[in-house]
Amino acid sequence: MEGYITQAVAHKIPAMLPSPDSAAFAGLVPDAARRARFAAYLRELGEKGLPLFDGIVAMPLDEPRDQTETVKRLFGSLPEGITHFILHASTDSPELRAITPDWESRVWNYRTMRSDAVKKCIESEGIVLIGYRALRDAMRR
């Protein structure tokens, strides 16, 4: 973890690190004393311009069907701020089917996220889609 953070800071690239005030941080380090030290370190990094995530959410890999309702639920519960939304989006292929047993859920991640219903949900929730490049560029200003 230390090397990961050191490289992110040195090269001014974002790292996938939770804000110490986020729900994602709470379960990261079980020991209270270590968690307090890590929280202080993360706050320091945030003050130096490293973006910290207010939420880290993943699309399910156990729903081999349309996931529109799941996406709506997840989007409706996002915290304010920056959320790393993890997709396992894949197109159906013989290779995908050969390498992972959850291939159907990955295909549905892809199909669902490309749907008009999800586009409308993003709009209605006021979600602004950005990527790591935008975060990187903000760090370098």
N, C-alpha and C. Protein backbone atom coordinates (compact mmCIF):
# COMPACT_ATOMS: atom_id res chain seq x y z
N MET A 1 0.83 -1.19 0.00
CA MET A 1 0.00 0.00 0.00
C MET A 1 0.87 1.25 0.00
N GLU A 2 1.94 1.22 0.77
CA GLU A 2 2.83 2.38 0.84
C GLU A 2 3.43 2.71 -0.52
N GLY A 3 3.88 1.69 -1.25
CA GLY A 3 4.44 1.91 -2.59
C GLY A 3 3.41 2.46 -3.55
N TYR A 4 2.20 1.97 -3.46
CA TYR A 4 1.09 2.42 -4.30
C TYR A 4 0.83 3.90 -4.08
N ILE A 5 0.75 4.29 -2.82
CA ILE A 5 0.49 5.69 -2.49
C ILE A 5 1.67 6.57 -2.86
N THR A 6 2.87 6.11 -2.61
CA THR A 6 4.08 6.88 -2.94
C THR A 6 4.13 7.18 -4.43
N GLN A 7 3.83 6.19 -5.25
CA GLN A 7 3.85 6.40 -6.71
C GLN A 7 2.75 7.35 -7.15
N ALA A 8 1.58 7.24 -6.55
CA ALA A 8 0.48 8.13 -6.90
C ALA A 8 0.84 9.59 -6.60
N VAL A 9 1.42 9.82 -5.44
CA VAL A 9 1.81 11.17 -5.05
C VAL A 9 2.95 11.67 -5.93
N ALA A 10 3.95 10.84 -6.14
CA ALA A 10 5.13 11.25 -6.91
C ALA A 10 4.78 11.61 -8.35
N HIS A 11 3.86 10.88 -8.94
CA HIS A 11 3.52 11.09 -10.35
C HIS A 11 2.22 11.87 -10.56
N LYS A 12 1.66 12.32 -9.44
CA LYS A 12 0.40 13.08 -9.48
C LYS A 12 -0.66 12.35 -10.30
N ILE A 13 -0.91 11.12 -9.86
CA ILE A 13 -1.98 10.32 -10.44
C ILE A 13 -2.90 9.85 -9.30
N PRO A 14 -4.19 9.79 -9.56
CA PRO A 14 -5.11 9.39 -8.49
C PRO A 14 -4.95 7.92 -8.12
N ALA A 15 -5.15 7.64 -6.87
CA ALA A 15 -5.13 6.27 -6.36
C ALA A 15 -6.54 5.96 -5.85
N MET A 16 -6.92 4.73 -5.86
CA MET A 16 -8.24 4.36 -5.36
C MET A 16 -8.16 4.23 -3.84
N LEU A 17 -8.33 5.37 -3.17
CA LEU A 17 -8.25 5.42 -1.71
C LEU A 17 -9.53 6.07 -1.17
N PRO A 18 -10.09 5.48 -0.12
CA PRO A 18 -11.32 6.06 0.44
C PRO A 18 -11.01 7.24 1.35
N SER A 19 -11.96 8.14 1.42
CA SER A 19 -11.89 9.20 2.41
C SER A 19 -12.03 8.54 3.78
N PRO A 20 -11.28 9.02 4.78
CA PRO A 20 -11.42 8.41 6.11
C PRO A 20 -12.79 8.63 6.73
N ASP A 21 -13.58 9.51 6.14
CA ASP A 21 -14.93 9.77 6.63
C ASP A 21 -15.98 8.95 5.89
N SER A 22 -15.56 8.12 4.95
CA SER A 22 -16.49 7.35 4.13
C SER A 22 -16.84 6.01 4.77
N ALA A 23 -17.95 5.47 4.34
CA ALA A 23 -18.36 4.13 4.80
C ALA A 23 -17.36 3.08 4.32
N ALA A 24 -16.76 3.31 3.15
CA ALA A 24 -15.79 2.35 2.61
C ALA A 24 -14.57 2.23 3.52
N PHE A 25 -14.20 3.32 4.17
CA PHE A 25 -13.02 3.30 5.04
C PHE A 25 -13.26 2.50 6.31
N ALA A 26 -14.47 2.55 6.82
CA ALA A 26 -14.78 1.94 8.10
C ALA A 26 -14.36 0.47 8.19
N GLY A 27 -14.56 -0.31 7.14
CA GLY A 27 -14.23 -1.72 7.19
C GLY A 27 -12.85 -2.07 6.67
N LEU A 28 -12.09 -1.05 6.28
CA LEU A 28 -10.79 -1.30 5.65
C LEU A 28 -9.74 -1.82 6.62
N VAL A 29 -9.65 -1.21 7.78
CA VAL A 29 -8.64 -1.59 8.78
C VAL A 29 -9.37 -1.89 10.09
N PRO A 30 -9.42 -3.15 10.50
CA PRO A 30 -10.19 -3.51 11.68
C PRO A 30 -9.63 -2.97 13.01
N ASP A 31 -8.32 -2.86 13.13
CA ASP A 31 -7.70 -2.41 14.37
C ASP A 31 -7.88 -0.90 14.53
N ALA A 32 -8.48 -0.47 15.64
CA ALA A 32 -8.84 0.94 15.85
C ALA A 32 -7.61 1.87 15.84
N ALA A 33 -6.54 1.46 16.48
CA ALA A 33 -5.35 2.31 16.55
C ALA A 33 -4.72 2.49 15.16
N ARG A 34 -4.61 1.41 14.42
CA ARG A 34 -4.07 1.49 13.05
C ARG A 34 -4.99 2.30 12.14
N ARG A 35 -6.30 2.11 12.32
CA ARG A 35 -7.27 2.84 11.53
C ARG A 35 -7.15 4.35 11.77
N ALA A 36 -6.93 4.75 13.02
CA ALA A 36 -6.78 6.17 13.36
C ALA A 36 -5.53 6.75 12.70
N ARG A 37 -4.43 5.99 12.72
CA ARG A 37 -3.18 6.47 12.08
C ARG A 37 -3.37 6.58 10.56
N PHE A 38 -4.02 5.58 9.97
CA PHE A 38 -4.23 5.59 8.53
C PHE A 38 -5.18 6.73 8.14
N ALA A 39 -6.18 6.99 8.96
CA ALA A 39 -7.12 8.08 8.69
C ALA A 39 -6.37 9.42 8.68
N ALA A 40 -5.48 9.61 9.63
CA ALA A 40 -4.70 10.85 9.69
C ALA A 40 -3.83 10.98 8.44
N TYR A 41 -3.23 9.88 8.03
CA TYR A 41 -2.38 9.87 6.83
C TYR A 41 -3.20 10.21 5.58
N LEU A 42 -4.39 9.61 5.47
CA LEU A 42 -5.25 9.89 4.32
C LEU A 42 -5.69 11.35 4.31
N ARG A 43 -6.01 11.90 5.46
CA ARG A 43 -6.40 13.31 5.52
C ARG A 43 -5.26 14.20 5.04
N GLU A 44 -4.06 13.85 5.44
CA GLU A 44 -2.88 14.60 5.01
C GLU A 44 -2.72 14.53 3.49
N LEU A 45 -2.91 13.34 2.92
CA LEU A 45 -2.82 13.18 1.48
C LEU A 45 -3.91 13.99 0.77
N GLY A 46 -5.11 13.98 1.32
CA GLY A 46 -6.20 14.76 0.75
C GLY A 46 -5.88 16.25 0.75
N GLU A 47 -5.27 16.72 1.83
CA GLU A 47 -4.87 18.13 1.92
C GLU A 47 -3.79 18.47 0.89
N LYS A 48 -3.01 17.48 0.51
CA LYS A 48 -1.96 17.69 -0.50
C LYS A 48 -2.49 17.56 -1.93
N GLY A 49 -3.78 17.28 -2.06
CA GLY A 49 -4.38 17.24 -3.39
C GLY A 49 -4.69 15.87 -3.96
N LEU A 50 -4.42 14.81 -3.21
CA LEU A 50 -4.77 13.47 -3.70
C LEU A 50 -6.27 13.27 -3.49
N PRO A 51 -7.02 13.02 -4.57
CA PRO A 51 -8.46 12.83 -4.40
C PRO A 51 -8.76 11.55 -3.62
N LEU A 52 -9.65 11.67 -2.67
CA LEU A 52 -10.07 10.53 -1.87
C LEU A 52 -11.54 10.26 -2.18
N PHE A 53 -11.90 9.00 -2.23
CA PHE A 53 -13.25 8.62 -2.65
C PHE A 53 -14.22 8.60 -1.48
N ASP A 54 -15.36 9.24 -1.70
CA ASP A 54 -16.42 9.27 -0.71
C ASP A 54 -17.24 7.99 -0.77
N GLY A 55 -17.14 7.28 -1.86
CA GLY A 55 -17.84 6.02 -2.03
C GLY A 55 -17.08 5.10 -2.97
N ILE A 56 -17.15 3.81 -2.69
CA ILE A 56 -16.60 2.79 -3.59
C ILE A 56 -17.69 1.74 -3.70
N VAL A 57 -18.24 1.60 -4.91
CA VAL A 57 -19.40 0.74 -5.15
C VAL A 57 -19.09 -0.16 -6.34
N ALA A 58 -19.53 -1.40 -6.26
CA ALA A 58 -19.30 -2.34 -7.35
C ALA A 58 -20.61 -2.91 -7.86
N MET A 59 -20.67 -3.06 -9.17
CA MET A 59 -21.79 -3.77 -9.78
C MET A 59 -21.70 -5.24 -9.38
N PRO A 60 -22.84 -5.90 -9.22
CA PRO A 60 -22.84 -7.29 -8.77
C PRO A 60 -22.35 -8.26 -9.83
N LEU A 61 -21.80 -9.34 -9.33
CA LEU A 61 -21.39 -10.43 -10.22
C LEU A 61 -22.22 -11.68 -9.97
N ASP A 62 -23.32 -11.50 -9.26
CA ASP A 62 -24.21 -12.64 -8.99
C ASP A 62 -25.62 -12.38 -9.50
N GLU A 63 -25.73 -11.51 -10.51
CA GLU A 63 -27.03 -11.22 -11.12
C GLU A 63 -26.94 -11.43 -12.63
N PRO A 64 -27.13 -12.65 -13.09
CA PRO A 64 -27.05 -12.92 -14.53
C PRO A 64 -28.35 -12.57 -15.26
N ARG A 65 -28.77 -11.31 -15.08
CA ARG A 65 -30.00 -10.81 -15.70
C ARG A 65 -29.92 -9.29 -15.75
N ASP A 66 -30.95 -8.67 -16.28
CA ASP A 66 -31.00 -7.22 -16.34
C ASP A 66 -30.78 -6.64 -14.94
N GLN A 67 -29.87 -5.70 -14.83
CA GLN A 67 -29.50 -5.14 -13.52
C GLN A 67 -29.96 -3.69 -13.35
N THR A 68 -30.93 -3.27 -14.14
CA THR A 68 -31.39 -1.88 -14.10
C THR A 68 -31.87 -1.48 -12.72
N GLU A 69 -32.67 -2.30 -12.07
CA GLU A 69 -33.17 -1.95 -10.73
C GLU A 69 -32.03 -1.87 -9.72
N THR A 70 -31.06 -2.74 -9.85
CA THR A 70 -29.89 -2.70 -8.97
C THR A 70 -29.13 -1.41 -9.16
N VAL A 71 -28.92 -1.01 -10.42
CA VAL A 71 -28.21 0.23 -10.70
C VAL A 71 -28.96 1.42 -10.13
N LYS A 72 -30.27 1.45 -10.31
CA LYS A 72 -31.07 2.55 -9.76
C LYS A 72 -30.93 2.63 -8.25
N ARG A 73 -30.95 1.47 -7.59
CA ARG A 73 -30.79 1.43 -6.14
C ARG A 73 -29.40 1.94 -5.74
N LEU A 74 -28.36 1.46 -6.44
CA LEU A 74 -26.99 1.88 -6.13
C LEU A 74 -26.81 3.37 -6.38
N PHE A 75 -27.28 3.86 -7.51
CA PHE A 75 -27.15 5.29 -7.82
C PHE A 75 -27.91 6.14 -6.80
N GLY A 76 -29.06 5.66 -6.37
CA GLY A 76 -29.86 6.41 -5.41
C GLY A 76 -29.24 6.50 -4.03
N SER A 77 -28.27 5.63 -3.76
CA SER A 77 -27.65 5.63 -2.42
C SER A 77 -26.21 6.14 -2.43
N LEU A 78 -25.77 6.71 -3.55
CA LEU A 78 -24.39 7.21 -3.60
C LEU A 78 -24.23 8.41 -2.68
N PRO A 79 -23.09 8.49 -1.99
CA PRO A 79 -22.84 9.67 -1.17
C PRO A 79 -22.46 10.85 -2.07
N GLU A 80 -22.58 12.05 -1.53
CA GLU A 80 -22.10 13.21 -2.27
C GLU A 80 -20.59 13.10 -2.39
N GLY A 81 -20.07 13.61 -3.47
CA GLY A 81 -18.62 13.61 -3.66
C GLY A 81 -18.23 12.67 -4.79
N ILE A 82 -17.03 12.14 -4.67
CA ILE A 82 -16.47 11.28 -5.71
C ILE A 82 -16.68 9.82 -5.33
N THR A 83 -17.29 9.07 -6.22
CA THR A 83 -17.48 7.64 -6.01
C THR A 83 -16.77 6.87 -7.11
N HIS A 84 -16.02 5.87 -6.72
CA HIS A 84 -15.44 4.93 -7.68
C HIS A 84 -16.49 3.85 -7.88
N PHE A 85 -17.06 3.83 -9.08
CA PHE A 85 -18.12 2.87 -9.41
C PHE A 85 -17.50 1.79 -10.27
N ILE A 86 -17.39 0.60 -9.71
CA ILE A 86 -16.69 -0.50 -10.37
C ILE A 86 -17.64 -1.30 -11.25
N LEU A 87 -17.26 -1.42 -12.51
CA LEU A 87 -18.01 -2.24 -13.46
C LEU A 87 -17.16 -3.43 -13.86
N HIS A 88 -17.82 -4.49 -14.18
CA HIS A 88 -17.15 -5.67 -14.73
C HIS A 88 -17.72 -5.89 -16.13
N ALA A 89 -17.85 -4.81 -16.85
CA ALA A 89 -18.54 -4.83 -18.13
C ALA A 89 -17.75 -5.59 -19.20
N SER A 90 -18.44 -6.53 -19.81
CA SER A 90 -17.81 -7.35 -20.85
C SER A 90 -18.84 -7.71 -21.91
N THR A 91 -18.34 -7.91 -23.09
CA THR A 91 -19.21 -8.43 -24.14
C THR A 91 -19.09 -9.95 -24.15
N ASP A 92 -20.15 -10.58 -24.55
CA ASP A 92 -20.18 -12.04 -24.58
C ASP A 92 -19.20 -12.56 -25.63
N SER A 93 -18.40 -13.51 -25.24
CA SER A 93 -17.45 -14.12 -26.17
C SER A 93 -17.08 -15.51 -25.65
N PRO A 94 -16.59 -16.38 -26.52
CA PRO A 94 -16.14 -17.69 -26.05
C PRO A 94 -15.02 -17.57 -25.02
N GLU A 95 -14.15 -16.57 -25.18
CA GLU A 95 -13.04 -16.38 -24.23
C GLU A 95 -13.58 -16.02 -22.84
N LEU A 96 -14.54 -15.09 -22.80
CA LEU A 96 -15.11 -14.69 -21.52
C LEU A 96 -15.75 -15.88 -20.83
N ARG A 97 -16.51 -16.65 -21.58
CA ARG A 97 -17.18 -17.81 -21.01
C ARG A 97 -16.17 -18.84 -20.48
N ALA A 98 -15.00 -18.90 -21.11
CA ALA A 98 -13.97 -19.86 -20.71
C ALA A 98 -13.22 -19.43 -19.45
N ILE A 99 -13.12 -18.13 -19.22
CA ILE A 99 -12.25 -17.68 -18.11
C ILE A 99 -12.98 -17.35 -16.82
N THR A 100 -14.30 -17.19 -16.86
CA THR A 100 -14.97 -16.82 -15.62
C THR A 100 -16.37 -17.41 -15.53
N PRO A 101 -16.72 -17.97 -14.40
CA PRO A 101 -18.05 -18.55 -14.25
C PRO A 101 -19.16 -17.49 -14.13
N ASP A 102 -18.79 -16.24 -13.83
CA ASP A 102 -19.80 -15.19 -13.68
C ASP A 102 -19.94 -14.35 -14.96
N TRP A 103 -19.62 -14.95 -16.09
CA TRP A 103 -19.63 -14.23 -17.36
C TRP A 103 -20.97 -13.59 -17.67
N GLU A 104 -22.07 -14.25 -17.31
CA GLU A 104 -23.39 -13.69 -17.62
C GLU A 104 -23.63 -12.37 -16.89
N SER A 105 -23.22 -12.30 -15.64
CA SER A 105 -23.37 -11.06 -14.88
C SER A 105 -22.52 -9.95 -15.48
N ARG A 106 -21.35 -10.28 -15.95
CA ARG A 106 -20.47 -9.29 -16.57
C ARG A 106 -21.10 -8.76 -17.87
N VAL A 107 -21.70 -9.65 -18.63
CA VAL A 107 -22.38 -9.23 -19.86
C VAL A 107 -23.56 -8.33 -19.50
N TRP A 108 -24.29 -8.68 -18.44
CA TRP A 108 -25.41 -7.84 -18.02
C TRP A 108 -24.93 -6.52 -17.44
N ASN A 109 -23.77 -6.48 -16.79
CA ASN A 109 -23.19 -5.19 -16.38
C ASN A 109 -23.07 -4.28 -17.59
N TYR A 110 -22.52 -4.82 -18.66
CA TYR A 110 -22.30 -4.07 -19.90
C TYR A 110 -23.63 -3.61 -20.50
N ARG A 111 -24.54 -4.55 -20.68
CA ARG A 111 -25.82 -4.24 -21.32
C ARG A 111 -26.62 -3.21 -20.49
N THR A 112 -26.65 -3.44 -19.20
CA THR A 112 -27.42 -2.55 -18.33
C THR A 112 -26.87 -1.14 -18.36
N MET A 113 -25.55 -1.00 -18.24
CA MET A 113 -24.96 0.34 -18.17
C MET A 113 -25.09 1.09 -19.49
N ARG A 114 -25.31 0.40 -20.58
CA ARG A 114 -25.47 1.05 -21.89
C ARG A 114 -26.94 1.36 -22.20
N SER A 115 -27.83 1.01 -21.32
CA SER A 115 -29.26 1.15 -21.60
C SER A 115 -29.74 2.60 -21.45
N ASP A 116 -30.80 2.92 -22.15
CA ASP A 116 -31.42 4.24 -22.03
C ASP A 116 -31.96 4.47 -20.62
N ALA A 117 -32.46 3.42 -19.98
CA ALA A 117 -32.99 3.55 -18.62
C ALA A 117 -31.91 4.02 -17.65
N VAL A 118 -30.71 3.48 -17.79
CA VAL A 118 -29.61 3.89 -16.91
C VAL A 118 -29.15 5.30 -17.26
N LYS A 119 -29.12 5.63 -18.52
CA LYS A 119 -28.76 7.01 -18.91
C LYS A 119 -29.73 8.00 -18.30
N LYS A 120 -31.02 7.68 -18.31
CA LYS A 120 -32.03 8.56 -17.71
C LYS A 120 -31.86 8.63 -16.19
N CYS A 121 -31.51 7.52 -15.59
CA CYS A 121 -31.29 7.49 -14.14
C CYS A 121 -30.10 8.38 -13.76
N ILE A 122 -29.02 8.29 -14.52
CA ILE A 122 -27.84 9.12 -14.27
C ILE A 122 -28.23 10.59 -14.33
N GLU A 123 -29.01 10.93 -15.33
CA GLU A 123 -29.47 12.31 -15.50
C GLU A 123 -30.37 12.75 -14.35
N SER A 124 -31.33 11.91 -14.00
CA SER A 124 -32.29 12.29 -12.95
C SER A 124 -31.63 12.37 -11.57
N GLU A 125 -30.61 11.59 -11.32
CA GLU A 125 -29.90 11.62 -10.04
C GLU A 125 -28.87 12.75 -9.98
N GLY A 126 -28.62 13.41 -11.13
CA GLY A 126 -27.64 14.49 -11.15
C GLY A 126 -26.20 14.00 -11.05
N ILE A 127 -25.99 12.78 -11.50
CA ILE A 127 -24.65 12.19 -11.45
C ILE A 127 -23.81 12.73 -12.61
N VAL A 128 -22.61 13.13 -12.30
CA VAL A 128 -21.67 13.61 -13.31
C VAL A 128 -20.61 12.53 -13.48
N LEU A 129 -20.53 11.98 -14.69
CA LEU A 129 -19.55 10.93 -14.95
C LEU A 129 -18.19 11.55 -15.25
N ILE A 130 -17.19 11.07 -14.54
CA ILE A 130 -15.81 11.48 -14.80
C ILE A 130 -14.95 10.23 -14.78
N GLY A 131 -13.74 10.37 -15.18
CA GLY A 131 -12.82 9.25 -15.13
C GLY A 131 -11.56 9.65 -14.39
N TYR A 132 -10.64 8.74 -14.31
CA TYR A 132 -9.39 9.01 -13.61
C TYR A 132 -8.57 10.10 -14.31
N ARG A 133 -8.73 10.23 -15.61
CA ARG A 133 -7.99 11.28 -16.33
C ARG A 133 -8.40 12.66 -15.81
N ALA A 134 -9.70 12.87 -15.59
CA ALA A 134 -10.17 14.16 -15.07
C ALA A 134 -9.63 14.41 -13.67
N LEU A 135 -9.57 13.36 -12.85
CA LEU A 135 -9.00 13.50 -11.51
C LEU A 135 -7.51 13.82 -11.58
N ARG A 136 -6.83 13.13 -12.46
CA ARG A 136 -5.39 13.39 -12.65
C ARG A 136 -5.16 14.83 -13.08
N ASP A 137 -5.93 15.28 -14.05
CA ASP A 137 -5.75 16.64 -14.55
C ASP A 137 -6.01 17.66 -13.45
N ALA A 138 -7.01 17.40 -12.59
CA ALA A 138 -7.29 18.31 -11.47
C ALA A 138 -6.12 18.33 -10.49
N MET A 139 -5.47 17.20 -10.30
CA MET A 139 -4.32 17.13 -9.39
C MET A 139 -3.13 17.93 -9.93
N ARG A 140 -3.03 18.04 -11.21
CA ARG A 140 -1.87 18.67 -11.82
C ARG A 140 -2.02 20.16 -12.08
N ARG A 141 -3.14 20.72 -11.68
CA ARG A 141 -3.34 22.17 -11.85
C ARG A 141 -2.65 22.95 -10.79
